[in-house]
């Protein structure tokens, strides 16, 4: 089933069927959820709605402490996987062509934005297009994208819809065309139709949703409940500390003055009957119980999000080996592997579209050459650089690794090919210098021999 058949089947050929499509419950439910997540990340937390209460006859506004741990965790996850650029491997020509496209389109930055949005909202979309002879991409926000699937969960169409200055804009993507509509002037009408060179947008989504195979689920949904409890505990405990710092005066026995306790007792004095007593009573703050509960919640948050405690300054470390570091980051590495899986799927689909677009500008690759293209993700794992260099040195000495591979693995080399060219250039210069020095030495020897012959002739 293609998009036209879908529209005819479900909307009976209605020309403005795309309006009814974006209004479907399943789409609006997802958009509503994404908007709620955006508001949460912007600081709209449950703690903000704590009601006021009365204390000592006064209305008190409770403390509302917001913890933005969610942003820190999501930033860690995206940076751990994509802080270092993805390396392309394969045939030299195809790698150079795709690297050129990546550099011009700034795909390394775009990849990080895509991962951040998938972690925050569950899914995001990317559309590729030709701008002259250059290939570019732009991200379609999850609140503006409406993917359309058939009964086999195959993507058959896509709608981008948003409102700007009270005008509704709709872009309908099919495998053949890109059609733009709006209601400027009061009526919905077709603005433009162009041939779709790259096909449907690329859908990036995680596999966290157990109820829907074609809809991602935000990682943030796993953290909110824990963070809400942490914020409530911290806010209420702070309120209780302020209450306990307001002691209650207590008189034991009869006051000889018979006037009770003056409210302005500070700086004054009272007279008490025999065996009478006067004291200030304060409640006891159970800090150990608070600390125990708070630490348990924080550790649960780190466990659920697969965030190593050491990355958030919750553990003291020193003199760790490479193996110890990997053990500390084992959960983070597993989480990065899951993120890598859907990012790899999306980027491979992007590469297919780049190959098609390159063919329109005269760059064509055979199937064998293109299939050699692959990518390598470099996790931002803390490393013992001295240990890595010693291992590379040992491998190089026993001829167990090439010079180029050694440079690629070196923590001090950002561009292995450029560094290899520089090394070869230095070697050529040294060879020329040695050659010049060798010819000069030979000339000196010959000159000395000639001088000796002349001297012998004169002597004779």
Protein backbone atom coordinates (compact mmCIF):
# COMPACT_ATOMS: atom_id res chain seq x y z
CA UNK A 1 0.00 0.00 0.00
CA UNK A 2 1.33 3.43 -0.93
CA UNK A 3 0.26 6.80 0.47
CA UNK A 4 -2.31 7.48 -2.25
CA UNK A 5 -4.00 4.12 -1.65
CA UNK A 6 -3.95 4.81 2.07
CA UNK A 7 -5.67 8.18 1.64
CA UNK A 8 -8.30 6.70 -0.71
CA UNK A 9 -8.98 3.77 1.62
CA UNK A 10 -9.30 5.64 4.90
CA UNK A 11 -10.44 9.09 3.74
CA UNK A 12 -12.42 8.26 0.58
CA UNK A 13 -10.39 10.57 -1.63
CA UNK A 14 -10.90 13.65 0.57
CA UNK A 15 -8.50 16.31 -0.85
CA UNK A 16 -7.59 17.63 2.60
CA UNK A 17 -7.23 14.20 4.21
CA UNK A 18 -3.93 15.21 5.82
CA UNK A 19 -5.82 17.49 8.26
CA UNK A 20 -7.85 14.56 9.58
CA UNK A 21 -4.75 12.38 9.69
CA UNK A 22 -2.79 14.67 12.02
CA UNK A 23 -5.90 14.98 14.24
CA UNK A 24 -6.05 11.23 14.93
CA UNK A 25 -6.02 10.27 18.60
CA UNK A 26 -2.80 8.27 18.44
CA UNK A 27 -0.89 11.23 16.98
CA UNK A 28 -2.36 13.78 19.38
CA UNK A 29 -1.66 11.54 22.36
CA UNK A 30 2.02 11.30 21.36
CA UNK A 31 2.28 15.05 20.74
CA UNK A 32 0.71 15.77 24.14
CA UNK A 33 3.21 13.48 25.85
CA UNK A 34 6.16 15.13 24.08
CA UNK A 35 4.94 18.61 25.06
CA UNK A 36 4.68 17.49 28.70
CA UNK A 37 8.26 16.21 28.56
CA UNK A 38 9.44 19.51 27.09
CA UNK A 39 7.73 21.40 29.90
CA UNK A 40 9.34 19.12 32.47
CA UNK A 41 12.80 19.73 31.05
CA UNK A 42 12.03 23.44 31.11
CA UNK A 43 11.40 23.28 34.88
CA UNK A 44 7.68 22.50 35.18
CA UNK A 45 7.94 19.81 37.89
CA UNK A 46 5.35 18.27 40.19
CA UNK A 47 6.95 19.97 43.20
CA UNK A 48 5.85 23.36 41.84
CA UNK A 49 2.24 22.52 42.68
CA UNK A 50 2.68 21.88 46.41
CA UNK A 51 -0.13 23.73 48.23
CA UNK A 52 0.53 26.33 50.94
CA UNK A 53 -0.08 25.45 54.61
CA UNK A 54 -0.73 27.22 57.90
CA UNK A 55 1.95 27.41 60.60
CA UNK A 56 1.66 29.51 63.77
CA UNK A 57 -1.48 31.02 62.33
CA UNK A 58 0.21 32.18 59.13
CA UNK A 59 -0.01 30.99 55.53
CA UNK A 60 3.35 29.52 54.59
CA UNK A 61 4.50 28.89 51.02
CA UNK A 62 6.46 25.61 51.06
CA UNK A 63 9.98 25.27 49.71
CA UNK A 64 10.04 24.00 46.12
CA UNK A 65 13.48 22.66 45.24
CA UNK A 66 13.90 21.53 41.63
CA UNK A 67 16.57 18.99 40.69
CA UNK A 68 17.55 19.02 37.03
CA UNK A 69 19.36 15.68 37.24
CA UNK A 70 17.46 14.53 34.15
CA UNK A 71 19.30 16.99 31.91
CA UNK A 72 22.65 15.94 33.35
CA UNK A 73 21.91 12.25 32.77
CA UNK A 74 20.63 12.76 29.21
CA UNK A 75 23.63 14.95 28.34
CA UNK A 76 25.95 12.27 29.70
CA UNK A 77 24.33 9.56 27.58
CA UNK A 78 24.57 11.53 24.34
CA UNK A 79 28.12 12.73 25.02
CA UNK A 80 29.32 9.26 26.06
CA UNK A 81 28.32 7.83 22.68
CA UNK A 82 28.89 10.75 20.29
CA UNK A 83 31.37 13.12 21.92
CA UNK A 84 33.98 11.64 19.57
CA UNK A 85 33.07 11.75 15.84
CA UNK A 86 32.01 8.54 14.10
CA UNK A 87 34.73 7.05 11.88
CA UNK A 88 33.87 5.76 8.41
CA UNK A 89 35.67 2.70 7.06
CA UNK A 90 35.65 0.92 3.70
CA UNK A 91 36.79 1.61 0.16
CA UNK A 92 38.93 4.75 -0.04
CA UNK A 93 36.83 6.49 -2.70
CA UNK A 94 33.47 5.94 -1.03
CA UNK A 95 34.84 6.93 2.39
CA UNK A 96 36.32 10.16 1.01
CA UNK A 97 33.06 11.04 -0.75
CA UNK A 98 30.93 10.43 2.36
CA UNK A 99 33.39 12.23 4.61
CA UNK A 100 33.15 15.25 2.33
CA UNK A 101 29.34 15.17 2.62
CA UNK A 102 29.54 14.73 6.40
CA UNK A 103 31.83 17.70 6.78
CA UNK A 104 29.74 20.07 4.65
CA UNK A 105 26.44 19.01 6.24
CA UNK A 106 27.98 18.97 9.76
CA UNK A 107 26.60 15.52 10.43
CA UNK A 108 28.73 14.97 13.53
CA UNK A 109 26.86 17.79 15.29
CA UNK A 110 23.55 16.67 13.81
CA UNK A 111 24.04 13.12 15.10
CA UNK A 112 24.38 14.40 18.66
CA UNK A 113 21.21 16.49 18.36
CA UNK A 114 19.34 13.46 17.03
CA UNK A 115 20.46 11.26 19.92
CA UNK A 116 19.53 13.94 22.45
CA UNK A 117 16.01 14.25 21.04
CA UNK A 118 15.46 10.49 20.91
CA UNK A 119 16.59 10.16 24.55
CA UNK A 120 14.28 13.02 25.56
CA UNK A 121 11.21 12.32 23.42
CA UNK A 122 11.54 8.76 22.07
CA UNK A 123 11.83 9.59 18.38
CA UNK A 124 12.82 12.25 15.86
CA UNK A 125 12.92 12.61 12.07
CA UNK A 126 15.49 13.72 9.48
CA UNK A 127 14.85 14.74 5.89
CA UNK A 128 17.66 14.88 3.30
CA UNK A 129 17.59 17.14 0.25
CA UNK A 130 19.82 18.64 -2.42
CA UNK A 131 20.73 22.32 -2.15
CA UNK A 132 22.42 22.92 -5.48
CA UNK A 133 25.14 20.30 -5.55
CA UNK A 134 25.33 20.00 -1.76
CA UNK A 135 23.51 17.41 0.34
CA UNK A 136 21.88 18.78 3.48
CA UNK A 137 19.56 17.58 6.24
CA UNK A 138 17.17 19.18 8.64
CA UNK A 139 15.56 17.81 11.77
CA UNK A 140 11.77 17.59 12.04
CA UNK A 141 10.70 18.10 15.64
CA UNK A 142 8.68 15.19 17.15
CA UNK A 143 5.81 17.61 17.90
CA UNK A 144 5.58 18.49 14.20
CA UNK A 145 6.12 15.07 12.62
CA UNK A 146 3.38 12.53 11.85
CA UNK A 147 4.70 9.25 10.37
CA UNK A 148 2.15 7.06 8.58
CA UNK A 149 2.50 3.26 8.67
CA UNK A 150 0.56 0.52 6.94
CA UNK A 151 -0.68 -2.71 8.54
CA UNK A 152 2.81 -4.25 8.25
CA UNK A 153 4.39 -1.34 10.17
CA UNK A 154 6.08 -0.11 6.99
CA UNK A 155 6.52 3.65 6.64
CA UNK A 156 4.45 4.73 3.62
CA UNK A 157 4.16 8.48 4.18
CA UNK A 158 4.96 11.37 6.44
CA UNK A 159 3.31 14.68 7.33
CA UNK A 160 4.99 17.72 8.84
CA UNK A 161 2.44 20.10 10.37
CA UNK A 162 2.80 23.28 12.41
CA UNK A 163 1.17 26.68 12.95
CA UNK A 164 2.95 30.00 12.50
CA UNK A 165 1.30 33.44 12.73
CA UNK A 166 -2.12 31.74 12.85
CA UNK A 167 -1.46 30.03 9.53
CA UNK A 168 -1.44 26.23 9.37
CA UNK A 169 1.31 24.66 7.28
CA UNK A 170 1.32 21.06 6.07
CA UNK A 171 4.06 19.24 4.16
CA UNK A 172 3.07 15.81 2.86
CA UNK A 173 5.92 13.45 1.97
CA UNK A 174 5.41 10.41 -0.23
CA UNK A 175 8.00 8.33 -2.02
CA UNK A 176 7.32 10.29 -5.21
CA UNK A 177 6.47 13.86 -4.22
CA UNK A 178 6.75 16.54 -1.56
CA UNK A 179 3.55 18.60 -1.42
CA UNK A 180 3.15 21.79 0.62
CA UNK A 181 -0.22 23.13 1.76
CA UNK A 182 -1.37 26.03 3.94
CA UNK A 183 -4.56 27.92 4.75
CA UNK A 184 -3.28 31.42 4.10
CA UNK A 185 -6.24 33.43 2.92
CA UNK A 186 -8.74 31.23 4.77
CA UNK A 187 -8.85 28.10 2.59
CA UNK A 188 -6.47 25.16 2.49
CA UNK A 189 -4.74 24.97 -0.86
CA UNK A 190 -1.74 23.40 -2.56
CA UNK A 191 1.26 25.73 -2.57
CA UNK A 192 3.88 23.59 -4.32
CA UNK A 193 4.66 20.07 -5.45
CA UNK A 194 8.16 18.81 -6.15
CA UNK A 195 9.75 15.48 -6.93
CA UNK A 196 11.06 13.73 -3.82
CA UNK A 197 14.64 12.77 -4.65
CA UNK A 198 15.57 11.26 -1.27
CA UNK A 199 12.31 9.51 -0.37
CA UNK A 200 10.64 9.58 3.04
CA UNK A 201 12.31 11.11 6.11
CA UNK A 202 14.54 8.91 8.25
CA UNK A 203 12.84 7.91 11.51
CA UNK A 204 15.12 7.58 14.53
CA UNK A 205 13.47 5.85 17.50
CA UNK A 206 14.52 3.65 20.40
CA UNK A 207 13.06 0.25 21.25
CA UNK A 208 11.88 1.11 24.78
CA UNK A 209 8.18 1.02 23.96
CA UNK A 210 6.78 -2.44 24.69
CA UNK A 211 3.25 -1.47 23.59
CA UNK A 212 3.94 0.03 20.17
CA UNK A 213 6.62 -1.14 17.73
CA UNK A 214 6.49 2.01 15.59
CA UNK A 215 6.63 4.56 18.40
CA UNK A 216 9.63 5.31 20.60
CA UNK A 217 9.50 5.91 24.34
CA UNK A 218 11.42 8.61 26.16
CA UNK A 219 14.09 7.54 28.65
CA UNK A 220 12.97 10.52 30.70
CA UNK A 221 9.75 8.71 31.63
CA UNK A 222 11.79 6.25 33.70
CA UNK A 223 13.41 9.02 35.73
CA UNK A 224 10.57 11.43 36.50
CA UNK A 225 8.93 9.42 39.31
CA UNK A 226 12.23 9.02 41.17
CA UNK A 227 13.13 12.67 40.72
CA UNK A 228 9.70 13.77 41.96
CA UNK A 229 10.24 11.85 45.19
CA UNK A 230 13.74 13.28 45.62
CA UNK A 231 12.47 16.82 45.13
CA UNK A 232 9.58 16.31 47.56
CA UNK A 233 11.83 14.77 50.19
CA UNK A 234 14.40 17.55 49.92
CA UNK A 235 11.81 20.34 49.90
CA UNK A 236 9.83 19.04 52.87
CA UNK A 237 12.96 18.32 54.87
CA UNK A 238 14.16 21.88 54.26
CA UNK A 239 10.79 23.17 55.52
CA UNK A 240 11.05 21.01 58.63
CA UNK A 241 14.52 22.37 59.41
CA UNK A 242 13.14 25.91 59.39
CA UNK A 243 10.30 24.84 61.69
CA UNK A 244 12.62 23.16 64.16
CA UNK A 245 14.76 26.28 64.34
CA UNK A 246 11.73 28.08 65.80
CA UNK A 247 11.76 26.79 69.44
CA UNK A 248 8.72 26.72 71.73
CA UNK A 249 9.12 28.27 75.25
CA UNK A 250 7.87 25.95 78.02
CA UNK A 251 7.31 26.90 81.71
CA UNK A 252 7.20 24.16 84.36
CA UNK A 253 5.56 25.39 87.58
CA UNK A 254 3.83 28.67 88.45
CA UNK A 255 4.92 32.06 87.22
CA UNK A 256 5.15 34.36 90.23
CA UNK A 257 4.26 37.36 88.15
CA UNK A 258 1.05 35.71 87.05
CA UNK A 259 1.19 37.41 83.71
CA UNK A 260 2.22 34.44 81.61
CA UNK A 261 5.14 34.54 79.24
CA UNK A 262 5.86 37.71 77.39
CA UNK A 263 5.93 37.15 73.65
CA UNK A 264 9.03 39.38 73.52
CA UNK A 265 10.90 37.16 75.99
CA UNK A 266 14.27 37.61 74.30
CA UNK A 267 16.30 40.08 76.36
CA UNK A 268 13.90 40.01 79.31
CA UNK A 269 13.56 37.89 82.46
CA UNK A 270 10.89 35.97 84.38
CA UNK A 271 10.47 34.89 88.02
CA UNK A 272 9.42 31.31 88.76
CA UNK A 273 8.06 29.55 91.86
CA UNK A 274 10.20 27.11 93.81
CA UNK A 275 11.11 24.03 91.76
CA UNK A 276 9.84 25.79 88.65
CA UNK A 277 11.64 25.57 85.33
CA UNK A 278 11.71 27.37 82.04
CA UNK A 279 13.22 26.12 78.77
CA UNK A 280 13.00 26.26 75.00
CA UNK A 281 11.92 23.02 73.36
CA UNK A 282 12.93 22.14 69.80
CA UNK A 283 12.24 19.08 67.73
CA UNK A 284 15.02 16.71 66.78
CA UNK A 285 16.04 16.53 63.11
CA UNK A 286 16.65 12.95 62.03
CA UNK A 287 19.35 13.65 59.48
CA UNK A 288 20.43 10.02 59.26
CA UNK A 289 17.00 8.89 58.09
CA UNK A 290 16.86 11.69 55.50
CA UNK A 291 20.33 10.91 54.22
CA UNK A 292 19.55 7.20 53.96
CA UNK A 293 16.34 7.72 51.96
CA UNK A 294 17.86 10.39 49.71
CA UNK A 295 20.94 8.30 48.92
CA UNK A 296 18.74 5.30 48.13
CA UNK A 297 16.65 7.35 45.70
CA UNK A 298 19.75 8.84 44.07
CA UNK A 299 21.36 5.43 43.64
CA UNK A 300 18.12 4.10 42.14
CA UNK A 301 18.17 6.98 39.66
CA UNK A 302 21.75 6.19 38.65
CA UNK A 303 20.96 2.46 38.33
CA UNK A 304 17.84 2.98 36.21
CA UNK A 305 19.61 5.45 33.91
CA UNK A 306 22.79 3.31 33.67
CA UNK A 307 24.85 6.31 34.81
CA UNK A 308 28.10 5.53 36.64
CA UNK A 309 28.24 7.24 40.02
CA UNK A 310 31.82 8.32 39.38
CA UNK A 311 30.67 10.47 36.44
CA UNK A 312 28.49 12.52 38.81
CA UNK A 313 31.14 12.93 41.54
CA UNK A 314 29.44 10.41 43.82
CA UNK A 315 32.46 8.12 44.22
CA UNK A 316 36.08 8.82 45.08
CA UNK A 317 38.61 7.13 42.81
CA UNK A 318 42.37 7.16 42.37
CA UNK A 319 45.01 5.18 40.47
CA UNK A 320 42.60 3.01 38.51
CA UNK A 321 43.71 0.61 35.81
CA UNK A 322 42.06 0.30 32.40
CA UNK A 323 40.11 -2.76 33.56
CA UNK A 324 38.82 -0.98 36.69
CA UNK A 325 37.60 1.96 34.62
CA UNK A 326 35.71 -0.37 32.27
CA UNK A 327 34.06 -2.08 35.22
CA UNK A 328 32.90 1.28 36.60
CA UNK A 329 31.48 2.22 33.20
CA UNK A 330 30.06 -1.20 32.30
CA UNK A 331 26.39 -0.14 32.63
CA UNK A 332 27.06 3.07 30.69
CA UNK A 333 28.71 1.01 27.97
CA UNK A 334 25.69 -1.29 27.75
CA UNK A 335 23.34 1.71 27.49
CA UNK A 336 25.56 3.25 24.81
CA UNK A 337 25.38 -0.04 22.90
CA UNK A 338 21.57 0.18 22.86
CA UNK A 339 21.71 3.79 21.68
CA UNK A 340 24.28 2.85 19.05
CA UNK A 341 21.90 0.23 17.67
CA UNK A 342 19.12 2.63 16.63
CA UNK A 343 21.59 5.37 15.66
CA UNK A 344 23.37 2.92 13.37
CA UNK A 345 20.07 1.90 11.76
CA UNK A 346 19.18 5.53 11.10
CA UNK A 347 22.61 6.55 9.81
CA UNK A 348 22.73 3.52 7.48
CA UNK A 349 19.40 4.61 6.03
CA UNK A 350 20.82 8.14 5.70
CA UNK A 351 23.81 6.72 3.80
CA UNK A 352 21.45 4.99 1.36
CA UNK A 353 19.77 8.32 0.66
CA UNK A 354 23.13 10.11 0.34
CA UNK A 355 24.18 7.54 -2.23
CA UNK A 356 21.03 8.25 -4.25
CA UNK A 357 21.51 12.02 -4.02
CA UNK A 358 25.19 11.73 -4.97
CA UNK A 359 24.15 9.92 -8.15
CA UNK A 360 22.20 13.04 -9.19
CA UNK A 361 25.41 15.10 -9.07
CA UNK A 362 27.46 12.53 -10.99
CA UNK A 363 29.04 10.54 -8.13
CA UNK A 364 28.12 6.87 -8.57
CA UNK A 365 29.33 3.82 -6.63
CA UNK A 366 28.89 0.17 -7.54
CA UNK A 367 27.20 -2.15 -5.05
CA UNK A 368 30.50 -3.84 -4.11
CA UNK A 369 32.22 -0.54 -3.40
CA UNK A 370 29.29 0.92 -1.46
CA UNK A 371 28.75 -2.19 0.66
CA UNK A 372 32.29 -1.84 2.01
CA UNK A 373 31.17 1.35 3.81
CA UNK A 374 30.89 0.91 7.55
CA UNK A 375 31.17 3.07 10.67
CA UNK A 376 32.87 2.85 14.03
CA UNK A 377 31.57 4.55 17.19
CA UNK A 378 34.16 5.74 19.71
CA UNK A 379 32.76 5.84 23.23
CA UNK A 380 34.00 8.61 25.51
CA UNK A 381 35.45 6.07 27.94
CA UNK A 382 38.04 7.44 30.41
CA UNK A 383 41.39 5.94 29.44
CA UNK A 384 44.77 5.37 30.94
CA UNK A 385 46.71 7.00 28.11
CA UNK A 386 50.13 5.83 29.29
CA UNK A 387 48.95 2.22 29.31
CA UNK A 388 47.46 2.56 25.80
CA UNK A 389 50.68 4.06 24.38
CA UNK A 390 52.81 1.29 25.91
CA UNK A 391 50.51 -1.35 24.42
CA UNK A 392 50.65 0.30 20.98
CA UNK A 393 54.45 0.53 21.21
CA UNK A 394 54.70 -3.17 22.03
CA UNK A 395 52.40 -4.13 19.15
CA UNK A 396 54.37 -1.97 16.74
CA UNK A 397 57.69 -3.49 17.82
CA UNK A 398 56.46 -7.02 17.17
CA UNK A 399 54.86 -5.86 13.87
CA UNK A 400 51.40 -6.71 15.18
CA UNK A 401 49.83 -3.44 14.02
CA UNK A 402 50.26 -1.10 11.07
CA UNK A 403 51.44 2.47 11.49
CA UNK A 404 48.09 3.84 10.35
CA UNK A 405 46.14 1.64 12.80
CA UNK A 406 48.51 2.67 15.57
CA UNK A 407 47.83 6.35 14.82
CA UNK A 408 44.07 5.71 14.78
CA UNK A 409 44.22 4.16 18.25
CA UNK A 410 46.54 6.80 19.68
CA UNK A 411 44.82 9.11 22.23
CA UNK A 412 46.88 12.04 20.93
CA UNK A 413 45.94 11.72 17.24
CA UNK A 414 42.72 13.29 16.00
CA UNK A 415 43.25 12.68 12.26
CA UNK A 416 45.26 9.54 11.52
CA UNK A 417 45.50 10.07 7.74
CA UNK A 418 46.70 13.63 8.08
CA UNK A 419 49.26 12.57 10.68
CA UNK A 420 50.46 9.76 8.39
CA UNK A 421 50.98 12.26 5.56
CA UNK A 422 53.02 14.48 7.87
CA UNK A 423 55.18 11.55 8.95
CA UNK A 424 55.79 10.55 5.35
CA UNK A 425 56.62 14.16 4.47
CA UNK A 426 59.16 14.33 7.33
CA UNK A 427 60.66 11.04 6.18
CA UNK A 428 61.04 12.34 2.62
CA UNK A 429 62.81 15.44 3.93
CA UNK A 430 65.17 13.33 6.03
CA UNK A 431 65.94 11.09 3.04
CA UNK A 432 66.78 14.14 0.91
CA UNK A 433 69.03 15.55 3.62
CA UNK A 434 70.79 12.20 3.99
CA UNK A 435 71.20 11.95 0.23
CA UNK A 436 72.72 15.43 0.04
CA UNK A 437 75.03 14.69 2.94
CA UNK A 438 76.05 11.40 1.32
CA UNK A 439 76.90 13.05 -2.03
CA UNK A 440 78.85 15.77 -0.24
CA UNK A 441 80.87 13.20 1.65
CA UNK A 442 81.59 11.30 -1.55
CA UNK A 443 82.76 14.51 -3.23
CA UNK A 444 85.09 15.25 -0.31
CA UNK A 445 86.60 11.79 -0.58
CA UNK A 446 87.15 12.17 -4.33
CA UNK A 447 88.65 15.64 -3.86
CA UNK A 448 91.04 14.29 -1.23
CA UNK A 449 92.11 11.49 -3.53
CA UNK A 450 92.81 13.95 -6.37
CA UNK A 451 94.84 16.18 -4.04
CA UNK A 452 96.92 13.20 -3.06
CA UNK A 453 97.64 12.31 -6.65
CA UNK A 454 98.73 15.89 -7.38
CA UNK A 455 101.07 15.89 -4.42
CA UNK A 456 102.61 12.60 -5.49
CA UNK A 457 103.16 13.96 -8.99
CA UNK A 458 104.89 17.07 -7.65
CA UNK A 459 107.10 14.94 -5.45
CA UNK A 460 108.06 12.82 -8.38
